[in-house]
Amino acid sequence: MDDKVIIFDTTLRDGEQAPGFSVTIDEKLRMARQLENLQVDIIEAGFPIASEGDFEAVRRVSAEVKNTKVAGLARAVRADIERCARALERAARPRIHTFLATSDIHLKYKFNKSRAEALDMAVRGVAYARSLCDDVEFSAEDAGRTDPDYLCQVLESVIEAGANVVNIPDTVGYCTPEEFGSLIRTIKQRVRNIDRAVISIHCHDDLGLAVANSLAGIQNGARQVECTINGIGERAGNAALEEIVMALSVRQDFFKVSTAINARELYPSSRLLTAVTSMPVQANKAIVGDNAFAHEAGIHQDGMLKNKATYEIMTPESVGVPASLIVLGKHSGRHALGARCRILGLNVTQEELDCAYGLMTALADKKKKIEDADVIEIVETARRKVSLTAAGSA
């Protein structure tokens, strides 16, 4: 089995569709250049039929990004596919990504079509896309709630029609990891021509399981994963690219696969996205949140100062974060305060440190975070107290 996992980034398409996350064409270009620095394998730049702006964004990203594949999204209808192909005309490595819902609930309420009609539509869409582009991906929307027998029939047919990649989306974040992994395993076992296509996965986070489901899919044979920076996307979002990449990296012993991602660009990518969207990530967000490498509890700080591996399973530098942050607060210990004093060039005796620690904890009951200026003032006060005590003893 191939041990390389292809990273398909859909920040600029699915991510941008989320309320409040729309960006300008120039901002898309900035983000696309950063995604190229990150070394994602594929950038899905937009949905060309959706608007003139989306068409132009895909066209301009295609023209500027040369080292990474650029994909455009299209429904499995001729007009969408033609529009997508035109937007990708200047791409060095284009991909048409076409999709059609396959679950019974979508077929009945969205399309009012039978399974046979949808199958025919999918095959015709893929065949037409393949006549315009050598790289075609087909997504079975809401695959997670599609009858497995019918899903396998659709996948086999679209591969026969020319799809190089078949994507299995958990569109509404309904699946559990065990179910989703089993579905990928079933596809590998029952789709006769699956060896002619890459199995892709695209998981949403409605139940908070997008990353877990993606990893379960990879464990069971998926070799492309669709994800977004900071996990942005429709509703609760997509699987977070940085979490998937670092899970596969830190636990390479378990997953036994790798990616081509330059992990040191993860934090810069996250920060650029928050800048262009004005949407910050929560402080406790894995990998890229402000607290991901911050330590306030005294027992944690003590362990970190002795050996960082006690509380960090990856280094901040490995994902582009400048350094671990020892946060001073009411839970901090003497070792952390002493370390901050050394960083600030404050040489303190043990007696001064003990006094300063008492002052710091008292201040921390009033303030959430102790700043460097506070430390300097605390140390000066502690020195005066210790000096006065020594003078009184004399």
Protein backbone atom coordinates (compact mmCIF):
# COMPACT_ATOMS: atom_id res chain seq x y z
CA MET A 1 0.00 0.00 0.00
CA ASP A 2 1.27 3.49 -0.86
CA ASP A 3 2.51 5.26 2.26
CA LYS A 4 2.04 8.80 0.85
CA VAL A 5 -1.13 10.69 1.76
CA ILE A 6 -2.12 13.43 -0.68
CA ILE A 7 -3.21 16.66 1.02
CA PHE A 8 -6.06 18.33 -0.86
CA ASP A 9 -6.64 21.78 0.62
CA THR A 10 -10.12 23.23 0.21
CA THR A 11 -9.68 26.32 2.41
CA LEU A 12 -10.34 28.59 -0.58
CA ARG A 13 -13.49 26.73 -1.64
CA ASP A 14 -15.31 24.87 1.14
CA GLY A 15 -13.66 27.02 3.79
CA GLU A 16 -14.62 30.26 2.10
CA GLN A 17 -18.25 29.13 1.80
CA ALA A 18 -18.67 29.38 5.57
CA PRO A 19 -20.54 32.48 6.77
CA GLY A 20 -18.13 35.32 7.54
CA PHE A 21 -15.13 33.73 5.82
CA SER A 22 -15.37 35.16 2.31
CA VAL A 23 -12.20 36.77 0.99
CA THR A 24 -11.24 38.97 -1.96
CA ILE A 25 -9.47 37.66 -5.04
CA ASP A 26 -6.20 39.26 -3.94
CA GLU A 27 -6.55 37.63 -0.52
CA LYS A 28 -7.16 34.27 -2.20
CA LEU A 29 -3.95 34.75 -4.16
CA ARG A 30 -2.01 35.52 -0.97
CA MET A 31 -3.43 32.45 0.68
CA ALA A 32 -2.76 30.27 -2.38
CA ARG A 33 0.90 31.33 -2.40
CA GLN A 34 1.17 30.40 1.27
CA LEU A 35 -0.49 27.03 0.61
CA GLU A 36 2.15 26.45 -2.05
CA ASN A 37 4.83 27.26 0.56
CA LEU A 38 3.12 24.77 2.84
CA GLN A 39 3.51 22.25 -0.01
CA VAL A 40 -0.05 21.02 -0.15
CA ASP A 41 -0.54 18.69 -3.10
CA ILE A 42 -3.75 20.26 -4.42
CA ILE A 43 -5.41 23.65 -3.91
CA GLU A 44 -9.14 23.77 -4.55
CA ALA A 45 -9.40 27.43 -5.51
CA GLY A 46 -13.16 27.86 -5.88
CA PHE A 47 -16.45 27.00 -7.53
CA PRO A 48 -16.26 28.77 -10.92
CA ILE A 49 -19.96 28.58 -11.79
CA ALA A 50 -20.96 30.16 -8.45
CA SER A 51 -20.01 33.74 -9.35
CA GLU A 52 -17.80 35.88 -11.55
CA GLY A 53 -15.57 36.43 -8.54
CA ASP A 54 -15.10 32.72 -7.98
CA PHE A 55 -14.39 32.17 -11.67
CA GLU A 56 -11.78 34.92 -11.68
CA ALA A 57 -10.22 33.66 -8.45
CA VAL A 58 -9.76 30.15 -9.88
CA ARG A 59 -8.43 31.63 -13.12
CA ARG A 60 -5.85 33.82 -11.35
CA VAL A 61 -4.75 31.19 -8.85
CA SER A 62 -4.33 28.77 -11.77
CA ALA A 63 -2.10 31.25 -13.57
CA GLU A 64 0.14 32.00 -10.60
CA VAL A 65 0.48 28.65 -8.80
CA LYS A 66 2.73 26.34 -10.77
CA ASN A 67 4.16 23.83 -8.32
CA THR A 68 0.83 22.68 -6.90
CA LYS A 69 -2.21 21.22 -8.65
CA VAL A 70 -5.17 23.59 -8.83
CA ALA A 71 -8.73 22.24 -8.74
CA GLY A 72 -12.07 23.84 -9.45
CA LEU A 73 -15.41 22.47 -8.29
CA ALA A 74 -18.32 21.68 -10.62
CA ARG A 75 -21.64 19.95 -10.25
CA ALA A 76 -22.04 16.98 -12.58
CA VAL A 77 -23.70 19.12 -15.24
CA ARG A 78 -22.29 20.31 -18.54
CA ALA A 79 -22.45 24.08 -17.86
CA ASP A 80 -20.59 23.78 -14.55
CA ILE A 81 -17.91 21.55 -16.04
CA GLU A 82 -17.35 23.83 -19.02
CA ARG A 83 -17.06 26.86 -16.74
CA CYS A 84 -14.59 25.02 -14.52
CA ALA A 85 -12.45 23.96 -17.49
CA ARG A 86 -12.29 27.56 -18.74
CA ALA A 87 -11.25 28.83 -15.32
CA LEU A 88 -8.44 26.25 -15.25
CA GLU A 89 -7.14 26.92 -18.77
CA ARG A 90 -3.88 28.48 -17.56
CA ALA A 91 -3.20 25.94 -14.83
CA ALA A 92 0.04 23.99 -15.14
CA ARG A 93 -1.62 21.02 -13.38
CA PRO A 94 -5.43 21.35 -13.48
CA ARG A 95 -8.06 19.13 -11.92
CA ILE A 96 -11.81 19.21 -12.46
CA HIS A 97 -13.62 18.14 -9.31
CA THR A 98 -17.20 17.21 -10.10
CA PHE A 99 -19.81 16.01 -7.65
CA LEU A 100 -23.31 14.64 -7.29
CA ALA A 101 -25.26 13.62 -4.19
CA THR A 102 -25.90 9.88 -3.85
CA SER A 103 -27.82 9.45 -0.58
CA ASP A 104 -31.52 8.70 -0.85
CA ILE A 105 -32.44 11.73 1.25
CA HIS A 106 -30.58 14.04 -1.17
CA LEU A 107 -31.88 12.28 -4.27
CA LYS A 108 -35.46 12.60 -3.05
CA TYR A 109 -35.51 16.09 -1.59
CA LYS A 110 -32.80 17.92 -3.56
CA PHE A 111 -33.10 16.39 -7.02
CA ASN A 112 -36.29 14.36 -7.15
CA LYS A 113 -34.29 11.76 -9.10
CA SER A 114 -34.07 8.00 -8.96
CA ARG A 115 -30.84 6.17 -8.24
CA ALA A 116 -30.64 5.14 -11.90
CA GLU A 117 -31.03 8.74 -13.07
CA ALA A 118 -28.36 9.96 -10.67
CA LEU A 119 -25.98 7.21 -11.76
CA ASP A 120 -26.42 8.18 -15.40
CA MET A 121 -25.89 11.85 -14.56
CA ALA A 122 -22.68 11.08 -12.65
CA VAL A 123 -21.24 8.96 -15.45
CA ARG A 124 -22.05 11.54 -18.12
CA GLY A 125 -20.57 14.32 -15.99
CA VAL A 126 -17.32 12.47 -15.38
CA ALA A 127 -16.98 11.44 -19.03
CA TYR A 128 -17.45 15.03 -20.17
CA ALA A 129 -14.99 16.36 -17.59
CA ARG A 130 -12.43 13.77 -18.69
CA SER A 131 -12.79 14.93 -22.30
CA LEU A 132 -11.65 18.39 -21.11
CA CYS A 133 -9.06 17.48 -18.48
CA ASP A 134 -6.84 14.47 -17.78
CA ASP A 135 -7.27 14.76 -14.02
CA VAL A 136 -10.86 14.28 -12.85
CA GLU A 137 -12.15 13.75 -9.33
CA PHE A 138 -15.70 12.62 -8.56
CA SER A 139 -17.35 13.20 -5.18
CA ALA A 140 -20.37 11.23 -4.04
CA GLU A 141 -21.93 13.91 -1.86
CA ASP A 142 -23.34 12.57 1.43
CA ALA A 143 -21.56 9.26 0.85
CA GLY A 144 -21.61 8.69 4.61
CA ARG A 145 -25.41 8.24 4.46
CA THR A 146 -25.52 6.50 1.06
CA ASP A 147 -26.49 2.85 0.72
CA PRO A 148 -23.10 1.08 0.42
CA ASP A 149 -24.23 -1.18 -2.44
CA TYR A 150 -25.38 1.79 -4.50
CA LEU A 151 -22.29 3.81 -3.57
CA CYS A 152 -20.01 1.03 -4.82
CA GLN A 153 -22.00 0.85 -8.05
CA VAL A 154 -21.61 4.61 -8.59
CA LEU A 155 -17.90 4.57 -7.85
CA GLU A 156 -17.21 1.66 -10.17
CA SER A 157 -19.14 3.39 -12.95
CA VAL A 158 -17.44 6.78 -12.63
CA ILE A 159 -14.00 5.17 -12.54
CA GLU A 160 -14.94 3.37 -15.76
CA ALA A 161 -15.98 6.75 -17.18
CA GLY A 162 -12.57 8.27 -16.41
CA ALA A 163 -12.40 9.44 -12.78
CA ASN A 164 -8.84 9.31 -11.41
CA VAL A 165 -9.96 10.09 -7.86
CA VAL A 166 -13.17 9.08 -6.07
CA ASN A 167 -14.01 11.15 -3.02
CA ILE A 168 -16.05 9.81 -0.10
CA PRO A 169 -17.50 12.76 1.82
CA ASP A 170 -19.09 12.59 5.23
CA THR A 171 -20.91 15.73 4.14
CA VAL A 172 -22.94 16.29 7.29
CA GLY A 173 -20.47 14.90 9.82
CA TYR A 174 -22.77 11.99 10.66
CA CYS A 175 -20.37 9.04 10.72
CA THR A 176 -18.34 7.65 13.58
CA PRO A 177 -14.70 6.64 12.99
CA GLU A 178 -15.51 2.93 13.10
CA GLU A 179 -18.32 3.34 10.56
CA PHE A 180 -16.32 5.56 8.26
CA GLY A 181 -13.27 3.32 8.33
CA SER A 182 -15.49 0.34 7.56
CA LEU A 183 -17.01 2.19 4.60
CA ILE A 184 -13.57 2.88 3.10
CA ARG A 185 -12.60 -0.75 3.64
CA THR A 186 -15.81 -1.90 1.93
CA ILE A 187 -15.08 0.30 -1.08
CA LYS A 188 -11.58 -1.13 -1.40
CA GLN A 189 -12.92 -4.66 -1.26
CA ARG A 190 -16.02 -4.36 -3.44
CA VAL A 191 -15.33 -1.78 -6.16
CA ARG A 192 -13.91 -3.92 -8.93
CA ASN A 193 -11.72 -1.24 -10.57
CA ILE A 194 -10.73 0.69 -7.45
CA ASP A 195 -7.06 0.05 -8.25
CA ARG A 196 -7.44 2.60 -11.08
CA ALA A 197 -8.35 5.47 -8.75
CA VAL A 198 -7.21 7.13 -5.55
CA ILE A 199 -9.71 6.96 -2.68
CA SER A 200 -10.21 10.42 -1.19
CA ILE A 201 -12.07 11.47 1.96
CA HIS A 202 -13.75 14.73 2.96
CA CYS A 203 -15.13 14.90 6.50
CA HIS A 204 -17.16 17.56 8.27
CA ASP A 205 -17.08 18.31 11.97
CA ASP A 206 -20.75 18.49 12.99
CA LEU A 207 -20.15 15.98 15.80
CA GLY A 208 -16.52 16.95 16.35
CA LEU A 209 -15.29 13.81 14.56
CA ALA A 210 -13.89 15.17 11.28
CA VAL A 211 -10.23 14.56 12.07
CA ALA A 212 -10.92 11.20 13.74
CA ASN A 213 -12.99 10.07 10.76
CA SER A 214 -10.30 11.25 8.33
CA LEU A 215 -7.63 9.30 10.20
CA ALA A 216 -9.87 6.22 10.25
CA GLY A 217 -10.29 6.59 6.48
CA ILE A 218 -6.53 6.77 6.01
CA GLN A 219 -6.03 3.70 8.20
CA ASN A 220 -8.37 1.78 5.92
CA GLY A 221 -6.81 2.76 2.61
CA ALA A 222 -7.76 6.33 1.68
CA ARG A 223 -4.76 8.11 0.22
CA GLN A 224 -6.11 11.61 -0.32
CA VAL A 225 -7.61 13.70 2.46
CA GLU A 226 -9.54 16.93 1.90
CA CYS A 227 -9.12 19.45 4.68
CA THR A 228 -8.78 23.15 5.52
CA ILE A 229 -6.47 25.41 7.49
CA ASN A 230 -7.88 25.97 11.00
CA GLY A 231 -10.66 23.51 10.12
CA ILE A 232 -12.85 26.23 8.60
CA GLY A 233 -15.81 25.30 6.42
CA GLU A 234 -19.55 24.86 6.22
CA ARG A 235 -21.40 24.75 9.57
CA ALA A 236 -18.97 23.32 12.17
CA GLY A 237 -16.19 23.16 9.58
CA ASN A 238 -13.97 20.61 7.89
CA ALA A 239 -11.20 18.38 9.16
CA ALA A 240 -8.31 20.64 10.20
CA LEU A 241 -5.31 20.22 7.93
CA GLU A 242 -2.78 20.97 10.67
CA GLU A 243 -4.28 18.36 12.99
CA ILE A 244 -4.28 15.62 10.36
CA VAL A 245 -0.74 16.39 9.22
CA MET A 246 0.71 16.43 12.72
CA ALA A 247 -1.22 13.34 13.82
CA LEU A 248 0.33 11.46 10.89
CA SER A 249 3.75 12.92 11.68
CA VAL A 250 3.86 12.56 15.47
CA ARG A 251 2.26 9.09 15.32
CA GLN A 252 4.05 7.88 12.19
CA ASP A 253 4.84 4.74 14.18
CA PHE A 254 1.10 4.01 14.31
CA PHE A 255 -0.23 5.28 10.96
CA LYS A 256 2.89 4.38 8.92
CA VAL A 257 2.16 7.01 6.26
CA SER A 258 3.56 10.44 5.50
CA THR A 259 2.73 13.68 3.69
CA ALA A 260 4.77 16.16 1.67
CA ILE A 261 3.73 19.05 3.93
CA ASN A 262 6.34 21.52 5.15
CA ALA A 263 5.08 21.52 8.74
CA ARG A 264 7.04 24.64 9.67
CA GLU A 265 4.57 26.59 7.51
CA LEU A 266 1.51 25.40 9.46
CA TYR A 267 1.48 28.24 11.99
CA PRO A 268 2.25 30.95 9.38
CA SER A 269 -0.58 29.54 7.22
CA SER A 270 -2.98 29.66 10.15
CA ARG A 271 -2.00 33.21 11.02
CA LEU A 272 -2.36 34.40 7.43
CA LEU A 273 -5.84 32.91 7.23
CA THR A 274 -6.90 34.64 10.44
CA ALA A 275 -5.51 37.90 9.03
CA VAL A 276 -7.39 37.76 5.72
CA THR A 277 -10.66 36.54 7.26
CA SER A 278 -10.46 38.45 10.57
CA MET A 279 -11.57 35.19 12.21
CA PRO A 280 -9.18 34.09 14.99
CA VAL A 281 -8.92 30.50 16.19
CA GLN A 282 -9.77 29.65 19.79
CA ALA A 283 -6.85 29.73 22.19
CA ASN A 284 -6.98 25.98 22.90
CA LYS A 285 -7.04 24.98 19.21
CA ALA A 286 -4.67 22.04 18.61
CA ILE A 287 -1.36 22.83 16.88
CA VAL A 288 -1.97 26.52 16.07
CA GLY A 289 -3.93 27.96 19.03
CA ASP A 290 -2.28 30.50 21.33
CA ASN A 291 -2.25 27.97 24.18
CA ALA A 292 -1.08 24.95 22.15
CA PHE A 293 2.47 25.37 23.48
CA ALA A 294 1.73 27.50 26.54
CA HIS A 295 2.16 26.22 30.09
CA GLU A 296 0.88 27.86 33.29
CA ALA A 297 0.42 25.04 35.82
CA GLY A 298 3.43 24.87 38.09
CA ILE A 299 3.92 21.10 37.86
CA HIS A 300 3.82 21.32 34.05
CA GLN A 301 6.22 24.24 34.01
CA ASP A 302 8.64 22.37 36.26
CA GLY A 303 8.58 19.36 33.94
CA MET A 304 9.00 21.55 30.84
CA LEU A 305 11.99 23.34 32.29
CA LYS A 306 13.65 20.00 33.03
CA ASN A 307 12.74 18.25 29.78
CA LYS A 308 10.25 19.61 27.22
CA ALA A 309 9.20 16.09 26.23
CA THR A 310 7.41 15.79 29.56
CA TYR A 311 4.50 17.88 28.27
CA GLU A 312 5.11 18.48 24.56
CA ILE A 313 4.79 15.68 22.01
CA MET A 314 6.07 17.98 19.26
CA THR A 315 8.20 21.08 19.36
CA PRO A 316 6.63 24.46 18.64
CA GLU A 317 9.38 25.09 16.11
CA SER A 318 8.32 21.99 14.15
CA VAL A 319 5.03 23.70 13.22
CA GLY A 320 6.43 27.21 12.86
CA VAL A 321 5.58 28.54 16.33
CA PRO A 322 8.53 30.64 17.59
CA ALA A 323 8.85 28.90 21.01
CA SER A 324 7.01 27.37 23.94
CA LEU A 325 5.43 29.95 26.20
CA ILE A 326 5.77 29.68 29.94
CA VAL A 327 2.74 31.66 31.11
CA LEU A 328 2.94 33.17 34.56
CA GLY A 329 -0.30 33.06 36.50
CA LYS A 330 -1.78 31.83 39.77
CA HIS A 331 -0.98 28.20 38.88
CA SER A 332 2.69 28.84 38.12
CA GLY A 333 5.58 27.66 40.26
CA ARG A 334 8.89 29.09 41.46
CA HIS A 335 10.85 27.41 38.68
CA ALA A 336 8.79 29.19 36.02
CA LEU A 337 9.25 32.56 37.73
CA GLY A 338 12.97 31.91 38.06
CA ALA A 339 13.19 31.02 34.37
CA ARG A 340 11.39 34.23 33.39
CA CYS A 341 13.75 36.24 35.61
CA ARG A 342 16.73 34.72 33.81
CA ILE A 343 15.18 35.54 30.41
CA LEU A 344 14.72 39.15 31.58
CA GLY A 345 18.29 39.32 32.88
CA LEU A 346 17.21 39.57 36.52
CA ASN A 347 19.69 37.82 38.80
CA VAL A 348 17.84 36.90 41.98
CA THR A 349 18.86 35.05 45.10
CA GLN A 350 16.80 32.17 46.40
CA GLU A 351 15.47 34.41 49.17
CA GLU A 352 14.48 37.10 46.64
CA LEU A 353 12.85 34.49 44.42
CA ASP A 354 10.82 33.10 47.34
CA CYS A 355 9.63 36.60 48.21
CA ALA A 356 8.89 37.45 44.57
CA TYR A 357 6.90 34.24 44.22
CA GLY A 358 4.61 35.22 47.08
CA LEU A 359 4.09 38.64 45.53
CA MET A 360 3.40 37.10 42.12
CA THR A 361 0.76 34.67 43.37
CA ALA A 362 -0.97 37.51 45.23
CA LEU A 363 -1.01 39.61 42.06
CA ALA A 364 -2.14 36.61 39.98
CA ASP A 365 -5.32 36.40 42.08
CA LYS A 366 -6.16 39.86 40.71
CA LYS A 367 -4.76 39.54 37.16
CA LYS A 368 -5.26 36.68 34.69
CA LYS A 369 -1.75 36.94 33.28
CA ILE A 370 1.52 38.23 34.70
CA GLU A 371 3.37 40.35 32.16
CA ASP A 372 7.13 40.96 31.96
CA ALA A 373 6.67 44.48 33.37
CA ASP A 374 4.90 42.93 36.36
CA VAL A 375 7.82 40.54 36.93
CA ILE A 376 10.34 43.38 36.92
CA GLU A 377 8.29 45.37 39.45
CA ILE A 378 7.73 42.28 41.61
CA VAL A 379 11.46 41.49 41.69
CA GLU A 380 12.33 45.07 42.61
CA THR A 381 9.78 44.97 45.45
CA ALA A 382 11.08 41.60 46.60
CA ARG A 383 14.66 42.91 46.68
CA ARG A 384 13.61 45.86 48.83
CA LYS A 385 11.72 43.58 51.23
CA VAL A 386 14.62 41.13 51.51
CA SER A 387 17.06 44.00 51.99
CA LEU A 388 14.92 45.56 54.70
CA THR A 389 14.54 42.21 56.45
CA ALA A 390 18.30 41.67 56.34
CA ALA A 391 18.92 45.19 57.71
CA GLY A 392 16.43 44.61 60.53
CA SER A 393 18.12 41.34 61.48
CA ALA A 394 21.48 43.08 61.62
